[in-house]
Amino acid sequence: PLLNETFSQPLAGKTPTNPATSCRDIEMESPSAQSGYYWIQTSEIPLVQAYCNLEPSLGTVEANPACSCKEIRERNPSSPSGYYWLRASNGSSIRVYCDMTRTCGGITGGWMQVA
């Protein structure tokens, strides 16, 4: 008889035979992955075991909203433009688009549009 089983490859980085190319790749492949040690290897980096901090960045998940797009930009200047979660005045979280590239008054990034 045939079995209805699917065999999935383990999460990249969990074994030395299946290394990830970066912590970011692990986070993108499995958003629920936990912080910890993972195997990393690229053409420039030999196989190493590295600690990956996979805690959600400020504003990237509803449970960790920022006060403003500006706060996200100040804490992580390389934050790309995109959708983020902000804390509304009533304490709830709202999803907004943050433009991290526009310059206004000599200040770059941190402008929002309600999604």
PDB file of N, CA and C in Angstrom:
ATOM      1  N   PRO A   1       0.823  -1.189   0.000  1.00  0.00           N
ATOM      2  CA  PRO A   1       0.000   0.000   0.000  1.00  0.00           C
ATOM      3  C   PRO A   1       0.869   1.256   0.000  1.00  0.00           C
ATOM      4  N   LEU A   2       0.384   2.297  -0.642  1.00  0.00           N
ATOM      5  CA  LEU A   2       1.084   3.582  -0.680  1.00  0.00           C
ATOM      6  C   LEU A   2       0.733   4.385   0.560  1.00  0.00           C
ATOM      7  N   LEU A   3       1.707   5.047   1.059  1.00  0.00           N
ATOM      8  CA  LEU A   3       1.482   5.891   2.229  1.00  0.00           C
ATOM      9  C   LEU A   3       1.306   7.329   1.794  1.00  0.00           C
ATOM     10  N   ASN A   4       0.395   8.024   2.402  1.00  0.00           N
ATOM     11  CA  ASN A   4       0.191   9.439   2.115  1.00  0.00           C
ATOM     12  C   ASN A   4       1.054  10.271   3.045  1.00  0.00           C
ATOM     13  N   GLU A   5       2.333  10.162   2.897  1.00  0.00           N
ATOM     14  CA  GLU A   5       3.255  10.922   3.723  1.00  0.00           C
ATOM     15  C   GLU A   5       4.063  11.833   2.832  1.00  0.00           C
ATOM     16  N   THR A   6       4.323  12.994   3.326  1.00  0.00           N
ATOM     17  CA  THR A   6       5.212  13.893   2.602  1.00  0.00           C
ATOM     18  C   THR A   6       6.473  14.049   3.426  1.00  0.00           C
ATOM     19  N   PHE A   7       7.579  13.994   2.768  1.00  0.00           N
ATOM     20  CA  PHE A   7       8.855  14.138   3.439  1.00  0.00           C
ATOM     21  C   PHE A   7       9.387  15.517   3.125  1.00  0.00           C
ATOM     22  N   SER A   8       9.592  16.291   4.143  1.00  0.00           N
ATOM     23  CA  SER A   8      10.102  17.637   3.926  1.00  0.00           C
ATOM     24  C   SER A   8      11.544  17.703   4.392  1.00  0.00           C
ATOM     25  N   GLN A   9      12.293  18.521   3.723  1.00  0.00           N
ATOM     26  CA  GLN A   9      13.689  18.727   4.100  1.00  0.00           C
ATOM     27  C   GLN A   9      13.718  19.558   5.375  1.00  0.00           C
ATOM     28  N   PRO A  10      14.655  19.248   6.289  1.00  0.00           N
ATOM     29  CA  PRO A  10      14.712  20.039   7.517  1.00  0.00           C
ATOM     30  C   PRO A  10      15.027  21.503   7.217  1.00  0.00           C
ATOM     31  N   LEU A  11      14.677  22.346   8.143  1.00  0.00           N
ATOM     32  CA  LEU A  11      14.944  23.773   8.021  1.00  0.00           C
ATOM     33  C   LEU A  11      16.413  24.001   7.704  1.00  0.00           C
ATOM     34  N   ALA A  12      16.668  24.812   6.695  1.00  0.00           N
ATOM     35  CA  ALA A  12      18.049  25.134   6.337  1.00  0.00           C
ATOM     36  C   ALA A  12      18.780  25.669   7.556  1.00  0.00           C
ATOM     37  N   GLY A  13      20.001  25.191   7.743  1.00  0.00           N
ATOM     38  CA  GLY A  13      20.811  25.663   8.852  1.00  0.00           C
ATOM     39  C   GLY A  13      20.768  24.786  10.083  1.00  0.00           C
ATOM     40  N   LYS A  14      19.823  23.865  10.154  1.00  0.00           N
ATOM     41  CA  LYS A  14      19.711  23.018  11.347  1.00  0.00           C
ATOM     42  C   LYS A  14      20.743  21.894  11.347  1.00  0.00           C
ATOM     43  N   THR A  15      21.239  21.509  10.179  1.00  0.00           N
ATOM     44  CA  THR A  15      22.251  20.449  10.099  1.00  0.00           C
ATOM     45  C   THR A  15      23.409  20.934   9.231  1.00  0.00           C
ATOM     46  N   PRO A  16      24.610  20.424   9.469  1.00  0.00           N
ATOM     47  CA  PRO A  16      25.742  20.848   8.645  1.00  0.00           C
ATOM     48  C   PRO A  16      25.616  20.384   7.193  1.00  0.00           C
ATOM     49  N   THR A  17      24.803  19.368   6.947  1.00  0.00           N
ATOM     50  CA  THR A  17      24.618  18.900   5.566  1.00  0.00           C
ATOM     51  C   THR A  17      23.586  19.730   4.805  1.00  0.00           C
ATOM     52  N   ASN A  18      22.874  20.614   5.517  1.00  0.00           N
ATOM     53  CA  ASN A  18      21.878  21.486   4.884  1.00  0.00           C
ATOM     54  C   ASN A  18      22.032  22.902   5.434  1.00  0.00           C
ATOM     55  N   PRO A  19      23.198  23.555   5.178  1.00  0.00           N
ATOM     56  CA  PRO A  19      23.427  24.886   5.747  1.00  0.00           C
ATOM     57  C   PRO A  19      22.581  25.954   5.064  1.00  0.00           C
ATOM     58  N   ALA A  20      22.321  27.006   5.800  1.00  0.00           N
ATOM     59  CA  ALA A  20      21.655  28.188   5.239  1.00  0.00           C
ATOM     60  C   ALA A  20      22.741  29.123   4.707  1.00  0.00           C
ATOM     61  N   THR A  21      22.337  30.101   3.905  1.00  0.00           N
ATOM     62  CA  THR A  21      23.309  31.078   3.409  1.00  0.00           C
ATOM     63  C   THR A  21      23.388  32.299   4.309  1.00  0.00           C
ATOM     64  N   SER A  22      22.370  32.500   5.165  1.00  0.00           N
ATOM     65  CA  SER A  22      22.386  33.627   6.104  1.00  0.00           C
ATOM     66  C   SER A  22      21.263  33.449   7.122  1.00  0.00           C
ATOM     67  N   CYS A  23      21.352  34.176   8.212  1.00  0.00           N
ATOM     68  CA  CYS A  23      20.269  34.169   9.200  1.00  0.00           C
ATOM     69  C   CYS A  23      18.992  34.721   8.580  1.00  0.00           C
ATOM     70  N   ARG A  24      19.136  35.709   7.715  1.00  0.00           N
ATOM     71  CA  ARG A  24      17.964  36.306   7.047  1.00  0.00           C
ATOM     72  C   ARG A  24      17.230  35.267   6.205  1.00  0.00           C
ATOM     73  N   ASP A  25      17.992  34.391   5.527  1.00  0.00           N
ATOM     74  CA  ASP A  25      17.361  33.337   4.736  1.00  0.00           C
ATOM     75  C   ASP A  25      16.555  32.389   5.617  1.00  0.00           C
ATOM     76  N   ILE A  26      17.071  32.078   6.798  1.00  0.00           N
ATOM     77  CA  ILE A  26      16.349  31.216   7.736  1.00  0.00           C
ATOM     78  C   ILE A  26      15.044  31.898   8.145  1.00  0.00           C
ATOM     79  N   GLU A  27      15.127  33.174   8.461  1.00  0.00           N
ATOM     80  CA  GLU A  27      13.951  33.940   8.880  1.00  0.00           C
ATOM     81  C   GLU A  27      12.905  33.997   7.769  1.00  0.00           C
ATOM     82  N   MET A  28      13.348  34.167   6.526  1.00  0.00           N
ATOM     83  CA  MET A  28      12.420  34.250   5.398  1.00  0.00           C
ATOM     84  C   MET A  28      11.787  32.884   5.099  1.00  0.00           C
ATOM     85  N   GLU A  29      12.576  31.811   5.216  1.00  0.00           N
ATOM     86  CA  GLU A  29      12.079  30.460   4.932  1.00  0.00           C
ATOM     87  C   GLU A  29      11.080  29.999   5.988  1.00  0.00           C
ATOM     88  N   SER A  30      11.363  30.361   7.232  1.00  0.00           N
ATOM     89  CA  SER A  30      10.516  29.906   8.324  1.00  0.00           C
ATOM     90  C   SER A  30      10.339  31.027   9.346  1.00  0.00           C
ATOM     91  N   PRO A  31       9.310  31.863   9.175  1.00  0.00           N
ATOM     92  CA  PRO A  31       9.094  32.988  10.095  1.00  0.00           C
ATOM     93  C   PRO A  31       8.945  32.569  11.557  1.00  0.00           C
ATOM     94  N   SER A  32       8.605  31.309  11.803  1.00  0.00           N
ATOM     95  CA  SER A  32       8.443  30.862  13.187  1.00  0.00           C
ATOM     96  C   SER A  32       9.737  30.286  13.767  1.00  0.00           C
ATOM     97  N   ALA A  33      10.827  30.316  13.013  1.00  0.00           N
ATOM     98  CA  ALA A  33      12.106  29.803  13.510  1.00  0.00           C
ATOM     99  C   ALA A  33      12.526  30.577  14.759  1.00  0.00           C
ATOM    100  N   GLN A  34      13.136  29.879  15.684  1.00  0.00           N
ATOM    101  CA  GLN A  34      13.559  30.473  16.946  1.00  0.00           C
ATOM    102  C   GLN A  34      15.017  30.905  16.884  1.00  0.00           C
ATOM    103  N   SER A  35      15.389  31.887  17.683  1.00  0.00           N
ATOM    104  CA  SER A  35      16.787  32.289  17.785  1.00  0.00           C
ATOM    105  C   SER A  35      17.595  31.097  18.273  1.00  0.00           C
ATOM    106  N   GLY A  36      18.827  31.016  17.793  1.00  0.00           N
ATOM    107  CA  GLY A  36      19.686  29.910  18.212  1.00  0.00           C
ATOM    108  C   GLY A  36      20.856  29.753  17.258  1.00  0.00           C
ATOM    109  N   TYR A  37      21.554  28.648  17.401  1.00  0.00           N
ATOM    110  CA  TYR A  37      22.716  28.379  16.554  1.00  0.00           C
ATOM    111  C   TYR A  37      22.290  27.642  15.294  1.00  0.00           C
ATOM    112  N   TYR A  38      22.800  28.109  14.151  1.00  0.00           N
ATOM    113  CA  TYR A  38      22.497  27.528  12.852  1.00  0.00           C
ATOM    114  C   TYR A  38      23.794  27.375  12.055  1.00  0.00           C
ATOM    115  N   TRP A  39      23.773  26.433  11.120  1.00  0.00           N
ATOM    116  CA  TRP A  39      24.903  26.247  10.216  1.00  0.00           C
ATOM    117  C   TRP A  39      24.749  27.188   9.034  1.00  0.00           C
ATOM    118  N   ILE A  40      25.792  27.962   8.749  1.00  0.00           N
ATOM    119  CA  ILE A  40      25.800  28.952   7.674  1.00  0.00           C
ATOM    120  C   ILE A  40      26.981  28.658   6.748  1.00  0.00           C
ATOM    121  N   GLN A  41      26.738  28.759   5.441  1.00  0.00           N
ATOM    122  CA  GLN A  41      27.818  28.586   4.477  1.00  0.00           C
ATOM    123  C   GLN A  41      27.466  29.310   3.181  1.00  0.00           C
ATOM    124  N   THR A  42      28.428  30.044   2.648  1.00  0.00           N
ATOM    125  CA  THR A  42      28.292  30.680   1.334  1.00  0.00           C
ATOM    126  C   THR A  42      29.581  30.427   0.571  1.00  0.00           C
ATOM    127  N   SER A  43      29.639  30.930  -0.646  1.00  0.00           N
ATOM    128  CA  SER A  43      30.876  30.766  -1.416  1.00  0.00           C
ATOM    129  C   SER A  43      32.023  31.544  -0.780  1.00  0.00           C
ATOM    130  N   GLU A  44      31.712  32.592  -0.006  1.00  0.00           N
ATOM    131  CA  GLU A  44      32.742  33.387   0.661  1.00  0.00           C
ATOM    132  C   GLU A  44      33.009  32.947   2.099  1.00  0.00           C
ATOM    133  N   ILE A  45      32.025  32.280   2.722  1.00  0.00           N
ATOM    134  CA  ILE A  45      32.135  31.885   4.124  1.00  0.00           C
ATOM    135  C   ILE A  45      32.174  30.362   4.205  1.00  0.00           C
ATOM    136  N   PRO A  46      33.218  29.798   4.832  1.00  0.00           N
ATOM    137  CA  PRO A  46      33.226  28.337   5.013  1.00  0.00           C
ATOM    138  C   PRO A  46      32.118  27.940   5.991  1.00  0.00           C
ATOM    139  N   LEU A  47      31.833  26.670   6.075  1.00  0.00           N
ATOM    140  CA  LEU A  47      30.793  26.174   6.968  1.00  0.00           C
ATOM    141  C   LEU A  47      31.112  26.564   8.414  1.00  0.00           C
ATOM    142  N   VAL A  48      30.217  27.336   9.024  1.00  0.00           N
ATOM    143  CA  VAL A  48      30.377  27.766  10.414  1.00  0.00           C
ATOM    144  C   VAL A  48      29.039  27.636  11.127  1.00  0.00           C
ATOM    145  N   GLN A  49      29.115  27.499  12.433  1.00  0.00           N
ATOM    146  CA  GLN A  49      27.902  27.524  13.229  1.00  0.00           C
ATOM    147  C   GLN A  49      27.827  28.904  13.867  1.00  0.00           C
ATOM    148  N   ALA A  50      26.729  29.616  13.605  1.00  0.00           N
ATOM    149  CA  ALA A  50      26.593  30.993  14.059  1.00  0.00           C
ATOM    150  C   ALA A  50      25.271  31.168  14.805  1.00  0.00           C
ATOM    151  N   TYR A  51      25.265  32.116  15.729  1.00  0.00           N
ATOM    152  CA  TYR A  51      24.038  32.424  16.462  1.00  0.00           C
ATOM    153  C   TYR A  51      23.197  33.384  15.618  1.00  0.00           C
ATOM    154  N   CYS A  52      21.949  33.036  15.395  1.00  0.00           N
ATOM    155  CA  CYS A  52      21.022  33.887  14.651  1.00  0.00           C
ATOM    156  C   CYS A  52      19.965  34.421  15.613  1.00  0.00           C
ATOM    157  N   ASN A  53      19.906  35.736  15.734  1.00  0.00           N
ATOM    158  CA  ASN A  53      18.867  36.379  16.533  1.00  0.00           C
ATOM    159  C   ASN A  53      17.665  36.563  15.621  1.00  0.00           C
ATOM    160  N   LEU A  54      16.651  35.740  15.819  1.00  0.00           N
ATOM    161  CA  LEU A  54      15.485  35.762  14.944  1.00  0.00           C
ATOM    162  C   LEU A  54      14.273  36.402  15.609  1.00  0.00           C
ATOM    163  N   GLU A  55      14.528  37.203  16.645  1.00  0.00           N
ATOM    164  CA  GLU A  55      13.435  37.948  17.271  1.00  0.00           C
ATOM    165  C   GLU A  55      12.892  38.934  16.244  1.00  0.00           C
ATOM    166  N   PRO A  56      11.588  39.117  16.203  1.00  0.00           N
ATOM    167  CA  PRO A  56      11.030  40.029  15.198  1.00  0.00           C
ATOM    168  C   PRO A  56      11.521  41.467  15.389  1.00  0.00           C
ATOM    169  N   SER A  57      11.872  42.092  14.297  1.00  0.00           N
ATOM    170  CA  SER A  57      12.310  43.484  14.335  1.00  0.00           C
ATOM    171  C   SER A  57      11.130  44.391  14.660  1.00  0.00           C
ATOM    172  N   LEU A  58      11.441  45.537  15.241  1.00  0.00           N
ATOM    173  CA  LEU A  58      10.423  46.514  15.618  1.00  0.00           C
ATOM    174  C   LEU A  58       9.521  46.846  14.431  1.00  0.00           C
ATOM    175  N   GLY A  59       8.217  46.681  14.625  1.00  0.00           N
ATOM    176  CA  GLY A  59       7.242  47.039  13.606  1.00  0.00           C
ATOM    177  C   GLY A  59       6.982  45.978  12.555  1.00  0.00           C
ATOM    178  N   THR A  60       7.705  44.857  12.580  1.00  0.00           N
ATOM    179  CA  THR A  60       7.526  43.847  11.533  1.00  0.00           C
ATOM    180  C   THR A  60       6.413  42.860  11.835  1.00  0.00           C
ATOM    181  N   VAL A  61       5.990  42.797  13.103  1.00  0.00           N
ATOM    182  CA  VAL A  61       4.872  41.936  13.472  1.00  0.00           C
ATOM    183  C   VAL A  61       3.905  42.727  14.346  1.00  0.00           C
ATOM    184  N   GLU A  62       2.650  42.342  14.309  1.00  0.00           N
ATOM    185  CA  GLU A  62       1.614  43.072  15.052  1.00  0.00           C
ATOM    186  C   GLU A  62       1.893  43.093  16.550  1.00  0.00           C
ATOM    187  N   ALA A  63       2.518  42.037  17.054  1.00  0.00           N
ATOM    188  CA  ALA A  63       2.791  41.953  18.488  1.00  0.00           C
ATOM    189  C   ALA A  63       3.957  42.838  18.936  1.00  0.00           C
ATOM    190  N   ASN A  64       4.687  43.434  17.989  1.00  0.00           N
ATOM    191  CA  ASN A  64       5.831  44.287  18.323  1.00  0.00           C
ATOM    192  C   ASN A  64       5.758  45.595  17.526  1.00  0.00           C
ATOM    193  N   PRO A  65       4.683  46.387  17.747  1.00  0.00           N
ATOM    194  CA  PRO A  65       4.520  47.608  16.964  1.00  0.00           C
ATOM    195  C   PRO A  65       5.476  48.720  17.405  1.00  0.00           C
ATOM    196  N   ALA A  66       5.808  49.585  16.465  1.00  0.00           N
ATOM    197  CA  ALA A  66       6.636  50.763  16.764  1.00  0.00           C
ATOM    198  C   ALA A  66       5.709  51.940  17.059  1.00  0.00           C
ATOM    199  N   CYS A  67       6.275  52.998  17.601  1.00  0.00           N
ATOM    200  CA  CYS A  67       5.494  54.223  17.839  1.00  0.00           C
ATOM    201  C   CYS A  67       5.331  55.013  16.547  1.00  0.00           C
ATOM    202  N   SER A  68       6.331  54.907  15.644  1.00  0.00           N
ATOM    203  CA  SER A  68       6.284  55.663  14.395  1.00  0.00           C
ATOM    204  C   SER A  68       7.247  55.041  13.386  1.00  0.00           C
ATOM    205  N   CYS A  69       7.083  55.415  12.120  1.00  0.00           N
ATOM    206  CA  CYS A  69       8.023  55.001  11.084  1.00  0.00           C
ATOM    207  C   CYS A  69       9.405  55.568  11.395  1.00  0.00           C
ATOM    208  N   LYS A  70       9.421  56.778  11.934  1.00  0.00           N
ATOM    209  CA  LYS A  70      10.683  57.416  12.289  1.00  0.00           C
ATOM    210  C   LYS A  70      11.441  56.586  13.326  1.00  0.00           C
ATOM    211  N   GLU A  71      10.726  56.028  14.311  1.00  0.00           N
ATOM    212  CA  GLU A  71      11.371  55.195  15.320  1.00  0.00           C
ATOM    213  C   GLU A  71      12.008  53.959  14.679  1.00  0.00           C
ATOM    214  N   ILE A  72      11.298  53.347  13.734  1.00  0.00           N
ATOM    215  CA  ILE A  72      11.846  52.180  13.039  1.00  0.00           C
ATOM    216  C   ILE A  72      13.130  52.568  12.314  1.00  0.00           C
ATOM    217  N   ARG A  73      13.078  53.683  11.605  1.00  0.00           N
ATOM    218  CA  ARG A  73      14.233  54.159  10.833  1.00  0.00           C
ATOM    219  C   ARG A  73      15.419  54.504  11.748  1.00  0.00           C
ATOM    220  N   GLU A  74      15.144  55.125  12.883  1.00  0.00           N
ATOM    221  CA  GLU A  74      16.220  55.503  13.806  1.00  0.00           C
ATOM    222  C   GLU A  74      16.876  54.278  14.439  1.00  0.00           C
ATOM    223  N   ARG A  75      16.082  53.268  14.759  1.00  0.00           N
ATOM    224  CA  ARG A  75      16.637  52.064  15.384  1.00  0.00           C
ATOM    225  C   ARG A  75      17.373  51.177  14.384  1.00  0.00           C
ATOM    226  N   ASN A  76      16.905  51.202  13.133  1.00  0.00           N
ATOM    227  CA  ASN A  76      17.547  50.392  12.096  1.00  0.00           C
ATOM    228  C   ASN A  76      17.581  51.204  10.805  1.00  0.00           C
ATOM    229  N   PRO A  77      18.648  51.976  10.590  1.00  0.00           N
ATOM    230  CA  PRO A  77      18.735  52.853   9.419  1.00  0.00           C
ATOM    231  C   PRO A  77      18.638  52.134   8.078  1.00  0.00           C
ATOM    232  N   SER A  78      18.866  50.821   8.056  1.00  0.00           N
ATOM    233  CA  SER A  78      18.772  50.089   6.787  1.00  0.00           C
ATOM    234  C   SER A  78      17.365  49.530   6.542  1.00  0.00           C
ATOM    235  N   SER A  79      16.388  49.900   7.380  1.00  0.00           N
ATOM    236  CA  SER A  79      15.016  49.425   7.179  1.00  0.00           C
ATOM    237  C   SER A  79      14.510  49.865   5.816  1.00  0.00           C
ATOM    238  N   PRO A  80      13.987  48.931   5.018  1.00  0.00           N
ATOM    239  CA  PRO A  80      13.475  49.312   3.700  1.00  0.00           C
ATOM    240  C   PRO A  80      12.068  49.904   3.799  1.00  0.00           C
ATOM    241  N   SER A  81      11.652  50.618   2.778  1.00  0.00           N
ATOM    242  CA  SER A  81      10.264  51.070   2.699  1.00  0.00           C
ATOM    243  C   SER A  81       9.380  49.839   2.634  1.00  0.00           C
ATOM    244  N   GLY A  82       8.205  49.933   3.220  1.00  0.00           N
ATOM    245  CA  GLY A  82       7.285  48.802   3.198  1.00  0.00           C
ATOM    246  C   GLY A  82       6.239  48.930   4.279  1.00  0.00           C
ATOM    247  N   TYR A  83       5.490  47.867   4.478  1.00  0.00           N
ATOM    248  CA  TYR A  83       4.426  47.863   5.475  1.00  0.00           C
ATOM    249  C   TYR A  83       4.972  47.477   6.837  1.00  0.00           C
ATOM    250  N   TYR A  84       4.561  48.235   7.856  1.00  0.00           N
ATOM    251  CA  TYR A  84       4.985  48.010   9.231  1.00  0.00           C
ATOM    252  C   TYR A  84       3.783  48.164  10.155  1.00  0.00           C
ATOM    253  N   TRP A  85       3.934  47.655  11.369  1.00  0.00           N
ATOM    254  CA  TRP A  85       2.907  47.805  12.396  1.00  0.00           C
ATOM    255  C   TRP A  85       3.286  48.930  13.339  1.00  0.00           C
ATOM    256  N   LEU A  86       2.330  49.846  13.581  1.00  0.00           N
ATOM    257  CA  LEU A  86       2.524  50.950  14.524  1.00  0.00           C
ATOM    258  C   LEU A  86       1.448  50.872  15.598  1.00  0.00           C
ATOM    259  N   ARG A  87       1.782  51.404  16.778  1.00  0.00           N
ATOM    260  CA  ARG A  87       0.815  51.444  17.873  1.00  0.00           C
ATOM    261  C   ARG A  87      -0.033  52.703  17.729  1.00  0.00           C
ATOM    262  N   ALA A  88      -1.336  52.515  17.654  1.00  0.00           N
ATOM    263  CA  ALA A  88      -2.272  53.634  17.547  1.00  0.00           C
ATOM    264  C   ALA A  88      -2.460  54.270  18.927  1.00  0.00           C
ATOM    265  N   SER A  89      -3.039  55.463  18.960  1.00  0.00           N
ATOM    266  CA  SER A  89      -3.229  56.187  20.222  1.00  0.00           C
ATOM    267  C   SER A  89      -4.126  55.429  21.198  1.00  0.00           C
ATOM    268  N   ASN A  90      -4.995  54.538  20.674  1.00  0.00           N
ATOM    269  CA  ASN A  90      -5.868  53.765  21.570  1.00  0.00           C
ATOM    270  C   ASN A  90      -5.212  52.462  22.028  1.00  0.00           C
ATOM    271  N   GLY A  91      -3.932  52.244  21.647  1.00  0.00           N
ATOM    272  CA  GLY A  91      -3.199  51.065  22.086  1.00  0.00           C
ATOM    273  C   GLY A  91      -3.244  49.892  21.132  1.00  0.00           C
ATOM    274  N   SER A  92      -4.116  49.965  20.131  1.00  0.00           N
ATOM    275  CA  SER A  92      -4.176  48.866  19.161  1.00  0.00           C
ATOM    276  C   SER A  92      -3.038  49.018  18.141  1.00  0.00           C
ATOM    277  N   SER A  93      -2.821  47.991  17.359  1.00  0.00           N
ATOM    278  CA  SER A  93      -1.800  48.034  16.310  1.00  0.00           C
ATOM    279  C   SER A  93      -2.470  48.269  14.969  1.00  0.00           C
ATOM    280  N   ILE A  94      -1.857  49.146  14.155  1.00  0.00           N
ATOM    281  CA  ILE A  94      -2.365  49.396  12.811  1.00  0.00           C
ATOM    282  C   ILE A  94      -1.235  49.177  11.816  1.00  0.00           C
ATOM    283  N   ARG A  95      -1.596  48.747  10.621  1.00  0.00           N
ATOM    284  CA  ARG A  95      -0.606  48.492   9.579  1.00  0.00           C
ATOM    285  C   ARG A  95      -0.547  49.708   8.670  1.00  0.00           C
ATOM    286  N   VAL A  96       0.673  50.215   8.461  1.00  0.00           N
ATOM    287  CA  VAL A  96       0.869  51.393   7.629  1.00  0.00           C
ATOM    288  C   VAL A  96       2.027  51.159   6.669  1.00  0.00           C
ATOM    289  N   TYR A  97       2.085  51.971   5.631  1.00  0.00           N
ATOM    290  CA  TYR A  97       3.219  51.937   4.710  1.00  0.00           C
ATOM    291  C   TYR A  97       4.208  53.009   5.148  1.00  0.00           C
ATOM    292  N   CYS A  98       5.452  52.620   5.367  1.00  0.00           N
ATOM    293  CA  CYS A  98       6.497  53.566   5.760  1.00  0.00           C
ATOM    294  C   CYS A  98       7.432  53.804   4.580  1.00  0.00           C
ATOM    295  N   ASP A  99       7.562  55.061   4.179  1.00  0.00           N
ATOM    296  CA  ASP A  99       8.492  55.445   3.120  1.00  0.00           C
ATOM    297  C   ASP A  99       9.797  55.825   3.783  1.00  0.00           C
ATOM    298  N   MET A 100      10.792  54.969   3.629  1.00  0.00           N
ATOM    299  CA  MET A 100      12.080  55.188   4.287  1.00  0.00           C
ATOM    300  C   MET A 100      13.090  55.895   3.392  1.00  0.00           C
ATOM    301  N   THR A 101      12.659  56.346   2.226  1.00  0.00           N
ATOM    302  CA  THR A 101      13.607  56.952   1.277  1.00  0.00           C
ATOM    303  C   THR A 101      13.368  58.432   1.028  1.00  0.00           C
ATOM    304  N   ARG A 102      12.143  58.898   1.176  1.00  0.00           N
ATOM    305  CA  ARG A 102      11.807  60.282   0.860  1.00  0.00           C
ATOM    306  C   ARG A 102      12.498  61.252   1.814  1.00  0.00           C
ATOM    307  N   THR A 103      12.947  62.358   1.296  1.00  0.00           N
ATOM    308  CA  THR A 103      13.574  63.390   2.118  1.00  0.00           C
ATOM    309  C   THR A 103      12.606  64.559   2.257  1.00  0.00           C
ATOM    310  N   CYS A 104      12.442  65.026   3.491  1.00  0.00           N
ATOM    311  CA  CYS A 104      11.569  66.164   3.756  1.00  0.00           C
ATOM    312  C   CYS A 104      12.215  66.988   4.858  1.00  0.00           C
ATOM    313  N   GLY A 105      12.561  68.220   4.584  1.00  0.00           N
ATOM    314  CA  GLY A 105      13.165  69.073   5.587  1.00  0.00           C
ATOM    315  C   GLY A 105      14.537  68.592   6.046  1.00  0.00           C
ATOM    316  N   GLY A 106      15.250  67.901   5.150  1.00  0.00           N
ATOM    317  CA  GLY A 106      16.581  67.407   5.492  1.00  0.00           C
ATOM    318  C   GLY A 106      16.597  66.104   6.259  1.00  0.00           C
ATOM    319  N   ILE A 107      15.425  65.552   6.529  1.00  0.00           N
ATOM    320  CA  ILE A 107      15.325  64.281   7.239  1.00  0.00           C
ATOM    321  C   ILE A 107      14.919  63.209   6.226  1.00  0.00           C
ATOM    322  N   THR A 108      15.679  62.109   6.183  1.00  0.00           N
ATOM    323  CA  THR A 108      15.363  61.032   5.254  1.00  0.00           C
ATOM    324  C   THR A 108      14.607  59.938   5.958  1.00  0.00           C
ATOM    325  N   GLY A 109      13.494  59.527   5.358  1.00  0.00           N
ATOM    326  CA  GLY A 109      12.737  58.350   5.824  1.00  0.00           C
ATOM    327  C   GLY A 109      11.860  58.599   7.016  1.00  0.00           C
ATOM    328  N   GLY A 110      11.005  57.601   7.240  1.00  0.00           N
ATOM    329  CA  GLY A 110      10.136  57.641   8.393  1.00  0.00           C
ATOM    330  C   GLY A 110       8.762  58.236   8.136  1.00  0.00           C
ATOM    331  N   TRP A 111       8.378  58.398   6.873  1.00  0.00           N
ATOM    332  CA  TRP A 111       7.071  58.970   6.558  1.00  0.00           C
ATOM    333  C   TRP A 111       6.083  57.849   6.345  1.00  0.00           C
ATOM    334  N   MET A 112       4.833  58.054   6.787  1.00  0.00           N
ATOM    335  CA  MET A 112       3.860  56.960   6.676  1.00  0.00           C
ATOM    336  C   MET A 112       2.615  57.349   5.910  1.00  0.00           C
ATOM    337  N   GLN A 113       2.008  56.310   5.369  1.00  0.00           N
ATOM    338  CA  GLN A 113       0.695  56.408   4.748  1.00  0.00           C
ATOM    339  C   GLN A 113      -0.113  55.282   5.353  1.00  0.00           C
ATOM    340  N   VAL A 114      -1.322  55.560   5.816  1.00  0.00           N
ATOM    341  CA  VAL A 114      -2.156  54.513   6.403  1.00  0.00           C
ATOM    342  C   VAL A 114      -2.520  53.531   5.310  1.00  0.00           C
ATOM    343  N   ALA A 115      -2.347  52.232   5.617  1.00  0.00           N
ATOM    344  CA  ALA A 115      -2.607  51.169   4.630  1.00  0.00           C
ATOM    345  C   ALA A 115      -4.083  50.910   4.480  1.00  0.00           C
TER     346      ALA A 115
END
